[in-house]
Amino acid sequence: MLEFIKRHFKKPQGFIGKITGKIMDLENRKLNKWAIRYLKVKPKDHILEIGFGPGYAIRHLLNRYKDIRIDGIDISETMRQQAMQSLDWEAIKSKVHLSTGDIAKAQLPMNSYDKVLTVNNYTLWGDKESGLENIYGALKPGGKIVIVM
């Protein structure tokens, strides 16, 4: 049973994955708020969120900062769908791009992000070193990465 639960927190899928997403949304709010404060977001920032889950940090960022762009990557298609449902997608689709994939293998644009955020998922990455190298290459000079666990 424990393995079943761990598998759904690592890569939420289906109905159980949706429940897992709701739990993560509530569980990670405080950490997301702290991480966002630490990012020191500025107007025009281009932000990458890794493991966006049900979209709490994206909602929080968009409510506080109007003139930003956000890209998100999550290993779970269920989480991408849940995040899109929780956001006013029609109103934000020009500012937010969500994709499904592994951060270690993602084709990130080089020198594109001012800020990178990841909360409670770094330990779940299969290839941490490649993931960090990928993020570093996508970060603009002087950019900031916040990894919270």
N, C-alpha and C. Protein backbone atom coordinates (compact mmCIF):
# COMPACT_ATOMS: atom_id res chain seq x y z
N MET A 1 0.81 -1.19 0.00
CA MET A 1 0.00 0.00 0.00
C MET A 1 0.86 1.26 0.00
N LEU A 2 1.93 1.26 0.79
CA LEU A 2 2.82 2.41 0.87
C LEU A 2 3.44 2.71 -0.49
N GLU A 3 3.85 1.68 -1.21
CA GLU A 3 4.42 1.86 -2.56
C GLU A 3 3.40 2.48 -3.51
N PHE A 4 2.15 2.06 -3.40
CA PHE A 4 1.07 2.59 -4.23
C PHE A 4 0.93 4.10 -4.00
N ILE A 5 0.93 4.49 -2.73
CA ILE A 5 0.80 5.91 -2.38
C ILE A 5 2.02 6.69 -2.87
N LYS A 6 3.21 6.16 -2.63
CA LYS A 6 4.44 6.85 -3.07
C LYS A 6 4.45 7.03 -4.59
N ARG A 7 3.99 6.04 -5.32
CA ARG A 7 3.97 6.10 -6.79
C ARG A 7 3.07 7.25 -7.25
N HIS A 8 1.95 7.45 -6.56
CA HIS A 8 1.03 8.52 -6.96
C HIS A 8 1.52 9.90 -6.56
N PHE A 9 2.36 10.00 -5.56
CA PHE A 9 2.94 11.30 -5.24
C PHE A 9 4.10 11.60 -6.20
N LYS A 10 4.73 10.57 -6.71
CA LYS A 10 5.83 10.78 -7.66
C LYS A 10 5.28 11.14 -9.04
N LYS A 11 4.26 10.41 -9.49
CA LYS A 11 3.66 10.67 -10.80
C LYS A 11 2.16 10.41 -10.70
N PRO A 12 1.41 11.42 -10.23
CA PRO A 12 -0.03 11.24 -10.07
C PRO A 12 -0.71 10.89 -11.38
N GLN A 13 -1.61 9.89 -11.31
CA GLN A 13 -2.33 9.46 -12.51
C GLN A 13 -3.77 9.13 -12.15
N GLY A 14 -4.67 9.44 -13.07
CA GLY A 14 -6.06 9.06 -12.94
C GLY A 14 -6.75 9.66 -11.73
N PHE A 15 -7.81 8.97 -11.28
CA PHE A 15 -8.62 9.45 -10.17
C PHE A 15 -7.80 9.62 -8.89
N ILE A 16 -6.99 8.61 -8.55
CA ILE A 16 -6.14 8.69 -7.35
C ILE A 16 -5.15 9.84 -7.50
N GLY A 17 -4.65 10.05 -8.71
CA GLY A 17 -3.73 11.17 -8.96
C GLY A 17 -4.38 12.52 -8.71
N LYS A 18 -5.66 12.64 -9.05
CA LYS A 18 -6.38 13.89 -8.80
C LYS A 18 -6.50 14.15 -7.30
N ILE A 19 -6.78 13.11 -6.54
CA ILE A 19 -6.85 13.25 -5.08
C ILE A 19 -5.47 13.63 -4.54
N THR A 20 -4.45 12.98 -5.05
CA THR A 20 -3.07 13.29 -4.65
C THR A 20 -2.77 14.75 -4.93
N GLY A 21 -3.19 15.26 -6.09
CA GLY A 21 -2.98 16.66 -6.43
C GLY A 21 -3.63 17.60 -5.44
N LYS A 22 -4.84 17.28 -5.01
CA LYS A 22 -5.53 18.12 -4.02
C LYS A 22 -4.76 18.13 -2.69
N ILE A 23 -4.23 16.97 -2.30
CA ILE A 23 -3.44 16.88 -1.07
C ILE A 23 -2.18 17.73 -1.21
N MET A 24 -1.49 17.61 -2.36
CA MET A 24 -0.27 18.39 -2.58
C MET A 24 -0.57 19.89 -2.57
N ASP A 25 -1.69 20.27 -3.16
CA ASP A 25 -2.07 21.68 -3.20
C ASP A 25 -2.16 22.25 -1.79
N LEU A 26 -2.83 21.55 -0.91
CA LEU A 26 -2.98 22.02 0.47
C LEU A 26 -1.67 21.90 1.25
N GLU A 27 -0.97 20.80 1.08
CA GLU A 27 0.25 20.53 1.84
C GLU A 27 1.38 21.51 1.52
N ASN A 28 1.47 21.94 0.26
CA ASN A 28 2.62 22.73 -0.19
C ASN A 28 2.38 24.24 -0.24
N ARG A 29 1.22 24.71 0.15
CA ARG A 29 0.93 26.15 0.05
C ARG A 29 1.94 27.01 0.79
N LYS A 30 2.22 26.67 2.02
CA LYS A 30 3.15 27.47 2.82
C LYS A 30 4.54 27.49 2.17
N LEU A 31 5.01 26.33 1.72
CA LEU A 31 6.32 26.27 1.07
C LEU A 31 6.34 27.05 -0.23
N ASN A 32 5.26 26.96 -1.01
CA ASN A 32 5.19 27.71 -2.26
C ASN A 32 5.23 29.21 -2.01
N LYS A 33 4.47 29.67 -1.03
CA LYS A 33 4.47 31.11 -0.71
C LYS A 33 5.86 31.57 -0.28
N TRP A 34 6.51 30.79 0.56
CA TRP A 34 7.86 31.14 1.01
C TRP A 34 8.81 31.20 -0.19
N ALA A 35 8.76 30.19 -1.05
CA ALA A 35 9.66 30.14 -2.20
C ALA A 35 9.42 31.31 -3.14
N ILE A 36 8.18 31.67 -3.36
CA ILE A 36 7.86 32.79 -4.25
C ILE A 36 8.38 34.10 -3.66
N ARG A 37 8.23 34.29 -2.36
CA ARG A 37 8.79 35.50 -1.74
C ARG A 37 10.31 35.55 -1.94
N TYR A 38 10.96 34.40 -1.78
CA TYR A 38 12.41 34.33 -1.92
C TYR A 38 12.87 34.59 -3.36
N LEU A 39 12.03 34.28 -4.34
CA LEU A 39 12.39 34.53 -5.75
C LEU A 39 12.54 36.02 -6.04
N LYS A 40 11.83 36.86 -5.30
CA LYS A 40 11.85 38.30 -5.54
C LYS A 40 11.49 38.61 -7.01
N VAL A 41 10.30 38.20 -7.39
CA VAL A 41 9.80 38.36 -8.75
C VAL A 41 9.70 39.84 -9.10
N LYS A 42 10.07 40.15 -10.34
CA LYS A 42 10.02 41.51 -10.86
C LYS A 42 9.14 41.53 -12.11
N PRO A 43 8.63 42.71 -12.48
CA PRO A 43 7.87 42.80 -13.73
C PRO A 43 8.69 42.28 -14.90
N LYS A 44 8.03 41.63 -15.80
CA LYS A 44 8.61 41.07 -17.04
C LYS A 44 9.39 39.78 -16.81
N ASP A 45 9.49 39.27 -15.58
CA ASP A 45 10.21 38.03 -15.34
C ASP A 45 9.58 36.87 -16.10
N HIS A 46 10.44 36.00 -16.57
CA HIS A 46 10.04 34.74 -17.20
C HIS A 46 10.42 33.64 -16.21
N ILE A 47 9.41 32.93 -15.71
CA ILE A 47 9.60 31.97 -14.62
C ILE A 47 9.33 30.56 -15.11
N LEU A 48 10.14 29.62 -14.65
CA LEU A 48 9.92 28.20 -14.90
C LEU A 48 9.59 27.54 -13.57
N GLU A 49 8.46 26.84 -13.52
CA GLU A 49 8.14 26.03 -12.34
C GLU A 49 8.23 24.57 -12.73
N ILE A 50 9.04 23.83 -11.99
CA ILE A 50 9.21 22.40 -12.22
C ILE A 50 8.37 21.67 -11.18
N GLY A 51 7.51 20.77 -11.67
CA GLY A 51 6.62 20.05 -10.77
C GLY A 51 5.50 20.94 -10.27
N PHE A 52 4.79 21.57 -11.18
CA PHE A 52 3.76 22.55 -10.81
C PHE A 52 2.53 21.93 -10.17
N GLY A 53 2.39 20.62 -10.24
CA GLY A 53 1.26 19.94 -9.60
C GLY A 53 -0.07 20.53 -10.02
N PRO A 54 -0.98 20.76 -9.08
CA PRO A 54 -2.30 21.28 -9.42
C PRO A 54 -2.32 22.78 -9.71
N GLY A 55 -1.18 23.45 -9.68
CA GLY A 55 -1.10 24.84 -10.14
C GLY A 55 -1.17 25.92 -9.09
N TYR A 56 -1.01 25.57 -7.81
CA TYR A 56 -1.13 26.59 -6.76
C TYR A 56 -0.13 27.74 -6.94
N ALA A 57 1.14 27.43 -7.13
CA ALA A 57 2.15 28.49 -7.24
C ALA A 57 1.89 29.36 -8.47
N ILE A 58 1.43 28.77 -9.54
CA ILE A 58 1.12 29.55 -10.74
C ILE A 58 -0.02 30.52 -10.44
N ARG A 59 -1.07 30.04 -9.80
CA ARG A 59 -2.20 30.92 -9.42
C ARG A 59 -1.70 32.05 -8.52
N HIS A 60 -0.90 31.70 -7.53
CA HIS A 60 -0.38 32.69 -6.58
C HIS A 60 0.47 33.74 -7.30
N LEU A 61 1.34 33.30 -8.18
CA LEU A 61 2.19 34.23 -8.93
C LEU A 61 1.35 35.17 -9.80
N LEU A 62 0.39 34.61 -10.52
CA LEU A 62 -0.43 35.44 -11.42
C LEU A 62 -1.30 36.43 -10.65
N ASN A 63 -1.72 36.06 -9.45
CA ASN A 63 -2.53 36.99 -8.64
C ASN A 63 -1.70 38.14 -8.10
N ARG A 64 -0.43 37.92 -7.90
CA ARG A 64 0.44 38.94 -7.31
C ARG A 64 1.21 39.76 -8.34
N TYR A 65 1.54 39.15 -9.45
CA TYR A 65 2.40 39.80 -10.45
C TYR A 65 1.71 39.71 -11.81
N LYS A 66 1.31 40.83 -12.33
CA LYS A 66 0.50 40.85 -13.56
C LYS A 66 1.34 40.73 -14.84
N ASP A 67 2.54 41.24 -14.83
CA ASP A 67 3.32 41.33 -16.06
C ASP A 67 4.48 40.32 -16.07
N ILE A 68 4.14 39.03 -15.92
CA ILE A 68 5.14 37.96 -15.94
C ILE A 68 4.69 36.88 -16.91
N ARG A 69 5.64 36.02 -17.25
CA ARG A 69 5.33 34.82 -18.05
C ARG A 69 5.79 33.62 -17.24
N ILE A 70 5.03 32.54 -17.33
CA ILE A 70 5.35 31.33 -16.58
C ILE A 70 5.31 30.12 -17.50
N ASP A 71 6.36 29.33 -17.46
CA ASP A 71 6.37 28.01 -18.08
C ASP A 71 6.39 26.99 -16.96
N GLY A 72 5.71 25.90 -17.15
CA GLY A 72 5.72 24.84 -16.15
C GLY A 72 5.95 23.50 -16.80
N ILE A 73 6.68 22.65 -16.11
CA ILE A 73 6.85 21.28 -16.57
C ILE A 73 6.59 20.36 -15.39
N ASP A 74 5.81 19.32 -15.65
CA ASP A 74 5.47 18.35 -14.61
C ASP A 74 5.50 16.97 -15.26
N ILE A 75 5.91 15.98 -14.52
CA ILE A 75 6.02 14.62 -15.03
C ILE A 75 4.63 14.01 -15.28
N SER A 76 3.60 14.58 -14.68
CA SER A 76 2.26 13.99 -14.70
C SER A 76 1.29 14.76 -15.60
N GLU A 77 0.72 14.07 -16.57
CA GLU A 77 -0.32 14.65 -17.42
C GLU A 77 -1.57 14.94 -16.59
N THR A 78 -1.85 14.12 -15.59
CA THR A 78 -2.99 14.36 -14.70
C THR A 78 -2.83 15.71 -14.00
N MET A 79 -1.61 16.03 -13.55
CA MET A 79 -1.38 17.31 -12.89
C MET A 79 -1.51 18.47 -13.87
N ARG A 80 -1.05 18.29 -15.11
CA ARG A 80 -1.19 19.34 -16.11
C ARG A 80 -2.67 19.64 -16.33
N GLN A 81 -3.47 18.61 -16.48
CA GLN A 81 -4.91 18.80 -16.68
C GLN A 81 -5.56 19.45 -15.47
N GLN A 82 -5.17 19.01 -14.27
CA GLN A 82 -5.74 19.58 -13.05
C GLN A 82 -5.35 21.05 -12.91
N ALA A 83 -4.11 21.39 -13.22
CA ALA A 83 -3.67 22.79 -13.15
C ALA A 83 -4.46 23.64 -14.14
N MET A 84 -4.63 23.15 -15.35
CA MET A 84 -5.37 23.92 -16.36
C MET A 84 -6.81 24.13 -15.92
N GLN A 85 -7.40 23.14 -15.25
CA GLN A 85 -8.78 23.28 -14.77
C GLN A 85 -8.88 24.28 -13.63
N SER A 86 -7.84 24.36 -12.81
CA SER A 86 -7.89 25.25 -11.65
C SER A 86 -7.57 26.71 -12.01
N LEU A 87 -7.01 26.91 -13.18
CA LEU A 87 -6.66 28.25 -13.64
C LEU A 87 -7.73 28.74 -14.61
N ASP A 88 -7.88 30.03 -14.75
CA ASP A 88 -8.78 30.59 -15.75
C ASP A 88 -8.02 30.56 -17.07
N TRP A 89 -8.00 29.38 -17.70
CA TRP A 89 -7.10 29.12 -18.82
C TRP A 89 -7.26 30.11 -19.97
N GLU A 90 -8.46 30.45 -20.33
CA GLU A 90 -8.66 31.38 -21.44
C GLU A 90 -8.03 32.74 -21.16
N ALA A 91 -8.07 33.16 -19.91
CA ALA A 91 -7.54 34.48 -19.54
C ALA A 91 -6.01 34.49 -19.45
N ILE A 92 -5.39 33.34 -19.20
CA ILE A 92 -3.94 33.34 -18.94
C ILE A 92 -3.12 32.62 -19.99
N LYS A 93 -3.75 31.99 -20.97
CA LYS A 93 -2.99 31.13 -21.89
C LYS A 93 -1.91 31.86 -22.68
N SER A 94 -1.98 33.17 -22.77
CA SER A 94 -0.91 33.92 -23.45
C SER A 94 0.29 34.14 -22.52
N LYS A 95 0.11 33.92 -21.21
CA LYS A 95 1.17 34.15 -20.23
C LYS A 95 1.75 32.87 -19.66
N VAL A 96 1.02 31.75 -19.81
CA VAL A 96 1.41 30.50 -19.17
C VAL A 96 1.47 29.38 -20.20
N HIS A 97 2.55 28.61 -20.13
CA HIS A 97 2.69 27.42 -20.97
C HIS A 97 3.00 26.24 -20.06
N LEU A 98 2.15 25.22 -20.09
CA LEU A 98 2.35 24.03 -19.26
C LEU A 98 2.65 22.83 -20.14
N SER A 99 3.66 22.07 -19.75
CA SER A 99 4.01 20.87 -20.51
C SER A 99 4.23 19.70 -19.57
N THR A 100 4.23 18.53 -20.15
CA THR A 100 4.45 17.29 -19.41
C THR A 100 5.79 16.72 -19.84
N GLY A 101 6.61 16.36 -18.86
CA GLY A 101 7.89 15.76 -19.19
C GLY A 101 8.81 15.69 -17.99
N ASP A 102 9.96 15.10 -18.24
CA ASP A 102 11.01 14.92 -17.24
C ASP A 102 11.99 16.07 -17.38
N ILE A 103 12.27 16.79 -16.31
CA ILE A 103 13.15 17.95 -16.36
C ILE A 103 14.55 17.59 -16.87
N ALA A 104 14.99 16.38 -16.64
CA ALA A 104 16.31 15.97 -17.10
C ALA A 104 16.37 15.84 -18.63
N LYS A 105 15.22 15.59 -19.25
CA LYS A 105 15.18 15.37 -20.70
C LYS A 105 14.48 16.49 -21.46
N ALA A 106 13.92 17.44 -20.75
CA ALA A 106 13.16 18.52 -21.39
C ALA A 106 14.05 19.37 -22.28
N GLN A 107 13.50 19.82 -23.38
CA GLN A 107 14.21 20.71 -24.29
C GLN A 107 13.90 22.16 -23.87
N LEU A 108 14.64 22.64 -22.89
CA LEU A 108 14.43 23.99 -22.39
C LEU A 108 15.20 24.98 -23.25
N PRO A 109 14.62 26.16 -23.48
CA PRO A 109 15.35 27.19 -24.23
C PRO A 109 16.50 27.74 -23.40
N MET A 110 17.66 27.85 -24.00
CA MET A 110 18.86 28.33 -23.30
C MET A 110 18.71 29.81 -22.92
N ASN A 111 19.24 30.16 -21.75
CA ASN A 111 19.26 31.55 -21.26
C ASN A 111 17.91 32.25 -21.36
N SER A 112 16.85 31.58 -20.92
CA SER A 112 15.49 32.11 -21.08
C SER A 112 14.79 32.52 -19.80
N TYR A 113 15.16 31.94 -18.68
CA TYR A 113 14.40 32.14 -17.46
C TYR A 113 15.13 33.04 -16.46
N ASP A 114 14.36 33.98 -15.91
CA ASP A 114 14.88 34.85 -14.85
C ASP A 114 14.85 34.14 -13.51
N LYS A 115 13.82 33.30 -13.33
CA LYS A 115 13.63 32.60 -12.07
C LYS A 115 13.19 31.16 -12.36
N VAL A 116 13.64 30.24 -11.50
CA VAL A 116 13.22 28.84 -11.58
C VAL A 116 12.80 28.41 -10.18
N LEU A 117 11.67 27.72 -10.11
CA LEU A 117 11.07 27.33 -8.84
C LEU A 117 10.73 25.85 -8.87
N THR A 118 11.05 25.14 -7.80
CA THR A 118 10.59 23.77 -7.64
C THR A 118 10.38 23.49 -6.15
N VAL A 119 9.20 22.99 -5.82
CA VAL A 119 8.82 22.75 -4.42
C VAL A 119 8.44 21.28 -4.25
N ASN A 120 9.12 20.63 -3.33
CA ASN A 120 8.82 19.26 -2.91
C ASN A 120 8.81 18.22 -4.03
N ASN A 121 9.72 18.36 -4.99
CA ASN A 121 9.79 17.28 -5.98
C ASN A 121 11.21 16.93 -6.41
N TYR A 122 12.19 17.70 -5.98
CA TYR A 122 13.58 17.42 -6.38
C TYR A 122 14.00 15.99 -6.05
N THR A 123 13.63 15.49 -4.87
CA THR A 123 14.03 14.13 -4.48
C THR A 123 13.38 13.06 -5.34
N LEU A 124 12.36 13.42 -6.10
CA LEU A 124 11.67 12.47 -6.96
C LEU A 124 12.25 12.41 -8.37
N TRP A 125 13.14 13.34 -8.70
CA TRP A 125 13.74 13.34 -10.05
C TRP A 125 14.59 12.09 -10.22
N GLY A 126 14.46 11.45 -11.36
CA GLY A 126 15.26 10.26 -11.64
C GLY A 126 16.73 10.58 -11.84
N ASP A 127 17.03 11.64 -12.58
CA ASP A 127 18.41 12.03 -12.88
C ASP A 127 18.60 13.48 -12.43
N LYS A 128 18.93 13.63 -11.17
CA LYS A 128 19.04 14.97 -10.57
C LYS A 128 20.12 15.82 -11.23
N GLU A 129 21.27 15.21 -11.50
CA GLU A 129 22.38 15.96 -12.09
C GLU A 129 22.01 16.52 -13.47
N SER A 130 21.42 15.70 -14.32
CA SER A 130 21.01 16.18 -15.64
C SER A 130 19.92 17.23 -15.53
N GLY A 131 19.01 17.04 -14.58
CA GLY A 131 17.95 18.03 -14.37
C GLY A 131 18.52 19.38 -13.98
N LEU A 132 19.48 19.37 -13.04
CA LEU A 132 20.10 20.64 -12.61
C LEU A 132 20.91 21.28 -13.73
N GLU A 133 21.61 20.47 -14.51
CA GLU A 133 22.36 21.02 -15.65
C GLU A 133 21.41 21.64 -16.66
N ASN A 134 20.28 21.00 -16.89
CA ASN A 134 19.29 21.51 -17.84
C ASN A 134 18.74 22.86 -17.35
N ILE A 135 18.42 22.94 -16.08
CA ILE A 135 17.91 24.18 -15.50
C ILE A 135 18.96 25.29 -15.59
N TYR A 136 20.18 24.97 -15.22
CA TYR A 136 21.24 25.97 -15.23
C TYR A 136 21.45 26.54 -16.63
N GLY A 137 21.39 25.69 -17.64
CA GLY A 137 21.54 26.16 -19.02
C GLY A 137 20.39 27.05 -19.47
N ALA A 138 19.21 26.84 -18.90
CA ALA A 138 18.03 27.62 -19.27
C ALA A 138 17.92 28.94 -18.50
N LEU A 139 18.71 29.07 -17.44
CA LEU A 139 18.67 30.26 -16.60
C LEU A 139 19.46 31.40 -17.24
N LYS A 140 18.89 32.60 -17.22
CA LYS A 140 19.60 33.78 -17.71
C LYS A 140 20.74 34.10 -16.75
N PRO A 141 21.81 34.74 -17.23
CA PRO A 141 22.86 35.19 -16.31
C PRO A 141 22.26 36.06 -15.21
N GLY A 142 22.64 35.79 -13.98
CA GLY A 142 22.11 36.54 -12.85
C GLY A 142 20.75 36.07 -12.37
N GLY A 143 20.24 35.00 -12.99
CA GLY A 143 18.93 34.47 -12.59
C GLY A 143 18.99 33.77 -11.25
N LYS A 144 17.85 33.33 -10.77
CA LYS A 144 17.76 32.71 -9.44
C LYS A 144 16.99 31.40 -9.53
N ILE A 145 17.53 30.38 -8.84
CA ILE A 145 16.87 29.08 -8.73
C ILE A 145 16.51 28.87 -7.26
N VAL A 146 15.26 28.48 -7.00
CA VAL A 146 14.83 28.14 -5.65
C VAL A 146 14.32 26.70 -5.66
N ILE A 147 15.02 25.84 -4.89
CA ILE A 147 14.61 24.45 -4.74
C ILE A 147 14.25 24.28 -3.27
N VAL A 148 13.00 23.93 -3.00
CA VAL A 148 12.52 23.81 -1.64
C VAL A 148 12.08 22.38 -1.38
N MET A 149 12.50 21.87 -0.23
CA MET A 149 12.09 20.54 0.21
C MET A 149 11.65 20.63 1.66
